[in-house]
Amino acid sequence: MTKRNVTITNNIGLHARPATFFIQKANSYKSLIWIEKEDRKINAKSLLGVLSLGIAKGMTVTLIAEGQDEANAVDGLCELINTGFVEFE
């Protein structure tokens, strides 16, 4: 299992369009991936789950992956978040 904390830096957080990009990236990996915020842990490949967390700019979440490409999944998703989702614009 690979875990890493990451702080959301883009202006609108993980809402609508950025959440869709996040889900697409998460689905490109074979590992099981979760996002944990406070006491809630959801499937990072679920748009409704991600949106339900209400993740805004400045919040820190934990990305957790388990599977054959878990390190790559966490690295790739953290990179996407840290670049403010510019790779998809």
N, C-alpha and C. Protein backbone atom coordinates (compact mmCIF):
# COMPACT_ATOMS: atom_id res chain seq x y z
N MET A 1 0.86 -1.18 0.00
CA MET A 1 0.00 0.00 0.00
C MET A 1 0.90 1.24 0.00
N THR A 2 0.54 2.20 -0.82
CA THR A 2 1.25 3.48 -0.90
C THR A 2 0.30 4.58 -0.50
N LYS A 3 0.76 5.46 0.41
CA LYS A 3 -0.06 6.58 0.90
C LYS A 3 0.76 7.87 0.79
N ARG A 4 0.07 8.97 0.48
CA ARG A 4 0.73 10.27 0.48
C ARG A 4 -0.29 11.37 0.70
N ASN A 5 0.07 12.34 1.53
CA ASN A 5 -0.75 13.53 1.71
C ASN A 5 -0.43 14.53 0.61
N VAL A 6 -1.47 15.21 0.13
CA VAL A 6 -1.29 16.22 -0.90
C VAL A 6 -2.27 17.35 -0.63
N THR A 7 -1.82 18.57 -0.85
CA THR A 7 -2.67 19.74 -0.64
C THR A 7 -3.19 20.23 -1.99
N ILE A 8 -4.48 20.49 -2.05
CA ILE A 8 -5.13 20.96 -3.27
C ILE A 8 -4.75 22.43 -3.49
N THR A 9 -4.22 22.73 -4.67
CA THR A 9 -3.71 24.09 -4.94
C THR A 9 -4.50 24.86 -5.99
N ASN A 10 -5.26 24.16 -6.82
CA ASN A 10 -6.00 24.90 -7.85
C ASN A 10 -7.16 25.67 -7.22
N ASN A 11 -7.60 26.73 -7.87
CA ASN A 11 -8.56 27.66 -7.30
C ASN A 11 -9.91 27.07 -6.94
N ILE A 12 -10.39 26.09 -7.69
CA ILE A 12 -11.74 25.59 -7.42
C ILE A 12 -11.76 24.23 -6.73
N GLY A 13 -10.59 23.71 -6.37
CA GLY A 13 -10.54 22.42 -5.70
C GLY A 13 -10.90 21.27 -6.63
N LEU A 14 -11.38 20.19 -6.06
CA LEU A 14 -11.78 19.03 -6.87
C LEU A 14 -13.28 19.07 -7.12
N HIS A 15 -13.68 20.02 -7.91
CA HIS A 15 -15.09 20.18 -8.27
C HIS A 15 -15.21 20.08 -9.79
N ALA A 16 -16.33 19.58 -10.25
CA ALA A 16 -16.71 19.48 -11.66
C ALA A 16 -15.55 19.06 -12.57
N ARG A 17 -15.02 20.00 -13.31
CA ARG A 17 -14.02 19.69 -14.34
C ARG A 17 -12.74 19.07 -13.76
N PRO A 18 -12.10 19.67 -12.75
CA PRO A 18 -10.90 19.03 -12.20
C PRO A 18 -11.17 17.63 -11.64
N ALA A 19 -12.34 17.44 -11.04
CA ALA A 19 -12.67 16.11 -10.51
C ALA A 19 -12.78 15.10 -11.65
N THR A 20 -13.32 15.51 -12.76
CA THR A 20 -13.42 14.63 -13.92
C THR A 20 -12.03 14.23 -14.42
N PHE A 21 -11.12 15.21 -14.48
CA PHE A 21 -9.74 14.91 -14.90
C PHE A 21 -9.07 13.97 -13.91
N PHE A 22 -9.33 14.19 -12.63
CA PHE A 22 -8.75 13.35 -11.59
C PHE A 22 -9.24 11.91 -11.75
N ILE A 23 -10.53 11.74 -11.98
CA ILE A 23 -11.13 10.41 -12.15
C ILE A 23 -10.54 9.71 -13.38
N GLN A 24 -10.41 10.46 -14.47
CA GLN A 24 -9.85 9.88 -15.69
C GLN A 24 -8.43 9.37 -15.44
N LYS A 25 -7.64 10.17 -14.74
CA LYS A 25 -6.27 9.78 -14.42
C LYS A 25 -6.27 8.56 -13.50
N ALA A 26 -7.11 8.58 -12.47
CA ALA A 26 -7.18 7.46 -11.53
C ALA A 26 -7.57 6.16 -12.25
N ASN A 27 -8.47 6.27 -13.21
CA ASN A 27 -8.93 5.09 -13.95
C ASN A 27 -7.89 4.56 -14.93
N SER A 28 -6.82 5.32 -15.16
CA SER A 28 -5.76 4.83 -16.05
C SER A 28 -4.82 3.86 -15.32
N TYR A 29 -5.02 3.70 -14.01
CA TYR A 29 -4.20 2.78 -13.23
C TYR A 29 -5.01 1.54 -12.84
N LYS A 30 -4.31 0.42 -12.68
CA LYS A 30 -4.98 -0.83 -12.33
C LYS A 30 -5.23 -0.95 -10.83
N SER A 31 -4.45 -0.25 -10.03
CA SER A 31 -4.56 -0.34 -8.57
C SER A 31 -5.90 0.18 -8.07
N LEU A 32 -6.27 -0.27 -6.89
CA LEU A 32 -7.39 0.33 -6.16
C LEU A 32 -6.88 1.64 -5.59
N ILE A 33 -7.66 2.70 -5.72
CA ILE A 33 -7.21 4.02 -5.27
C ILE A 33 -8.32 4.67 -4.47
N TRP A 34 -7.94 5.26 -3.33
CA TRP A 34 -8.89 5.96 -2.47
C TRP A 34 -8.39 7.36 -2.16
N ILE A 35 -9.32 8.23 -1.84
CA ILE A 35 -9.00 9.56 -1.30
C ILE A 35 -9.59 9.59 0.11
N GLU A 36 -8.78 10.05 1.03
CA GLU A 36 -9.22 10.14 2.42
C GLU A 36 -9.17 11.61 2.85
N LYS A 37 -10.29 12.09 3.37
CA LYS A 37 -10.39 13.45 3.90
C LYS A 37 -11.04 13.35 5.26
N GLU A 38 -10.27 13.76 6.27
CA GLU A 38 -10.72 13.65 7.65
C GLU A 38 -11.10 12.20 7.93
N ASP A 39 -12.34 11.91 8.24
CA ASP A 39 -12.72 10.54 8.59
C ASP A 39 -13.43 9.80 7.46
N ARG A 40 -13.42 10.38 6.25
CA ARG A 40 -14.10 9.74 5.11
C ARG A 40 -13.08 9.23 4.11
N LYS A 41 -13.32 8.04 3.59
CA LYS A 41 -12.45 7.42 2.59
C LYS A 41 -13.34 6.95 1.45
N ILE A 42 -13.06 7.44 0.24
CA ILE A 42 -13.91 7.09 -0.91
C ILE A 42 -13.05 6.53 -2.05
N ASN A 43 -13.71 5.86 -2.96
CA ASN A 43 -13.08 5.34 -4.17
C ASN A 43 -12.71 6.52 -5.07
N ALA A 44 -11.42 6.66 -5.37
CA ALA A 44 -10.94 7.78 -6.19
C ALA A 44 -11.35 7.64 -7.65
N LYS A 45 -11.93 6.52 -8.02
CA LYS A 45 -12.37 6.32 -9.40
C LYS A 45 -13.86 6.61 -9.56
N SER A 46 -14.48 7.12 -8.52
CA SER A 46 -15.91 7.43 -8.52
C SER A 46 -16.13 8.94 -8.51
N LEU A 47 -16.71 9.46 -9.57
CA LEU A 47 -16.96 10.90 -9.66
C LEU A 47 -17.86 11.37 -8.53
N LEU A 48 -18.94 10.66 -8.28
CA LEU A 48 -19.84 11.06 -7.20
C LEU A 48 -19.15 11.02 -5.84
N GLY A 49 -18.32 10.02 -5.64
CA GLY A 49 -17.57 9.93 -4.39
C GLY A 49 -16.63 11.10 -4.20
N VAL A 50 -15.87 11.42 -5.24
CA VAL A 50 -14.92 12.54 -5.16
C VAL A 50 -15.67 13.85 -4.92
N LEU A 51 -16.74 14.08 -5.66
CA LEU A 51 -17.50 15.32 -5.49
C LEU A 51 -18.13 15.40 -4.10
N SER A 52 -18.51 14.25 -3.54
CA SER A 52 -19.17 14.26 -2.23
C SER A 52 -18.25 14.71 -1.10
N LEU A 53 -16.94 14.64 -1.32
CA LEU A 53 -16.00 15.07 -0.29
C LEU A 53 -15.91 16.59 -0.16
N GLY A 54 -16.33 17.32 -1.19
CA GLY A 54 -16.29 18.78 -1.13
C GLY A 54 -14.88 19.31 -0.93
N ILE A 55 -13.94 18.82 -1.69
CA ILE A 55 -12.54 19.20 -1.53
C ILE A 55 -12.28 20.56 -2.17
N ALA A 56 -11.87 21.52 -1.36
CA ALA A 56 -11.63 22.89 -1.82
C ALA A 56 -10.15 23.23 -1.77
N LYS A 57 -9.80 24.35 -2.37
CA LYS A 57 -8.43 24.83 -2.39
C LYS A 57 -7.90 24.95 -0.95
N GLY A 58 -6.67 24.48 -0.76
CA GLY A 58 -6.03 24.56 0.54
C GLY A 58 -6.24 23.36 1.43
N MET A 59 -7.17 22.48 1.09
CA MET A 59 -7.41 21.28 1.89
C MET A 59 -6.34 20.24 1.59
N THR A 60 -5.99 19.47 2.61
CA THR A 60 -5.04 18.37 2.45
C THR A 60 -5.81 17.06 2.52
N VAL A 61 -5.56 16.20 1.54
CA VAL A 61 -6.18 14.88 1.49
C VAL A 61 -5.08 13.83 1.43
N THR A 62 -5.45 12.60 1.70
CA THR A 62 -4.51 11.49 1.60
C THR A 62 -4.91 10.62 0.43
N LEU A 63 -3.96 10.36 -0.46
CA LEU A 63 -4.18 9.43 -1.57
C LEU A 63 -3.61 8.08 -1.14
N ILE A 64 -4.39 7.04 -1.36
CA ILE A 64 -4.00 5.69 -0.97
C ILE A 64 -4.21 4.79 -2.18
N ALA A 65 -3.19 4.00 -2.52
CA ALA A 65 -3.31 3.07 -3.63
C ALA A 65 -2.79 1.71 -3.21
N GLU A 66 -3.41 0.68 -3.76
CA GLU A 66 -3.00 -0.69 -3.47
C GLU A 66 -3.14 -1.52 -4.74
N GLY A 67 -2.01 -2.08 -5.17
CA GLY A 67 -2.03 -2.90 -6.38
C GLY A 67 -0.70 -2.84 -7.10
N GLN A 68 -0.69 -3.40 -8.30
CA GLN A 68 0.56 -3.57 -9.02
C GLN A 68 1.23 -2.26 -9.44
N ASP A 69 0.47 -1.19 -9.63
CA ASP A 69 1.07 0.08 -10.04
C ASP A 69 0.78 1.19 -9.01
N GLU A 70 0.70 0.80 -7.73
CA GLU A 70 0.30 1.73 -6.68
C GLU A 70 1.21 2.94 -6.55
N ALA A 71 2.52 2.75 -6.64
CA ALA A 71 3.45 3.89 -6.51
C ALA A 71 3.27 4.84 -7.68
N ASN A 72 3.15 4.30 -8.88
CA ASN A 72 2.93 5.15 -10.06
C ASN A 72 1.60 5.90 -9.96
N ALA A 73 0.59 5.24 -9.44
CA ALA A 73 -0.73 5.86 -9.31
C ALA A 73 -0.66 7.06 -8.36
N VAL A 74 -0.07 6.88 -7.20
CA VAL A 74 0.02 7.97 -6.24
C VAL A 74 0.90 9.09 -6.79
N ASP A 75 2.03 8.73 -7.41
CA ASP A 75 2.91 9.74 -8.00
C ASP A 75 2.18 10.54 -9.08
N GLY A 76 1.48 9.84 -9.97
CA GLY A 76 0.79 10.51 -11.08
C GLY A 76 -0.34 11.41 -10.61
N LEU A 77 -1.11 10.95 -9.64
CA LEU A 77 -2.22 11.76 -9.14
C LEU A 77 -1.72 12.96 -8.34
N CYS A 78 -0.65 12.78 -7.57
CA CYS A 78 -0.07 13.91 -6.84
C CYS A 78 0.48 14.94 -7.81
N GLU A 79 1.13 14.47 -8.87
CA GLU A 79 1.66 15.39 -9.88
C GLU A 79 0.53 16.18 -10.53
N LEU A 80 -0.56 15.50 -10.86
CA LEU A 80 -1.72 16.17 -11.46
C LEU A 80 -2.24 17.26 -10.53
N ILE A 81 -2.39 16.94 -9.25
CA ILE A 81 -2.88 17.92 -8.27
C ILE A 81 -1.88 19.07 -8.12
N ASN A 82 -0.60 18.75 -8.00
CA ASN A 82 0.42 19.78 -7.77
C ASN A 82 0.61 20.73 -8.94
N THR A 83 0.26 20.28 -10.15
CA THR A 83 0.38 21.16 -11.31
C THR A 83 -0.92 21.95 -11.54
N GLY A 84 -1.89 21.78 -10.66
CA GLY A 84 -3.15 22.52 -10.79
C GLY A 84 -3.99 22.06 -11.97
N PHE A 85 -3.79 20.82 -12.40
CA PHE A 85 -4.58 20.21 -13.49
C PHE A 85 -4.28 20.82 -14.85
N VAL A 86 -3.14 21.50 -15.01
CA VAL A 86 -2.83 22.15 -16.29
C VAL A 86 -2.60 21.16 -17.41
N GLU A 87 -2.22 19.93 -17.09
CA GLU A 87 -1.96 18.95 -18.14
C GLU A 87 -3.23 18.64 -18.94
N PHE A 88 -4.40 18.92 -18.39
CA PHE A 88 -5.66 18.60 -19.07
C PHE A 88 -6.35 19.82 -19.67
N GLU A 89 -5.79 20.99 -19.49
CA GLU A 89 -6.49 22.19 -20.01
C GLU A 89 -6.10 22.48 -21.44
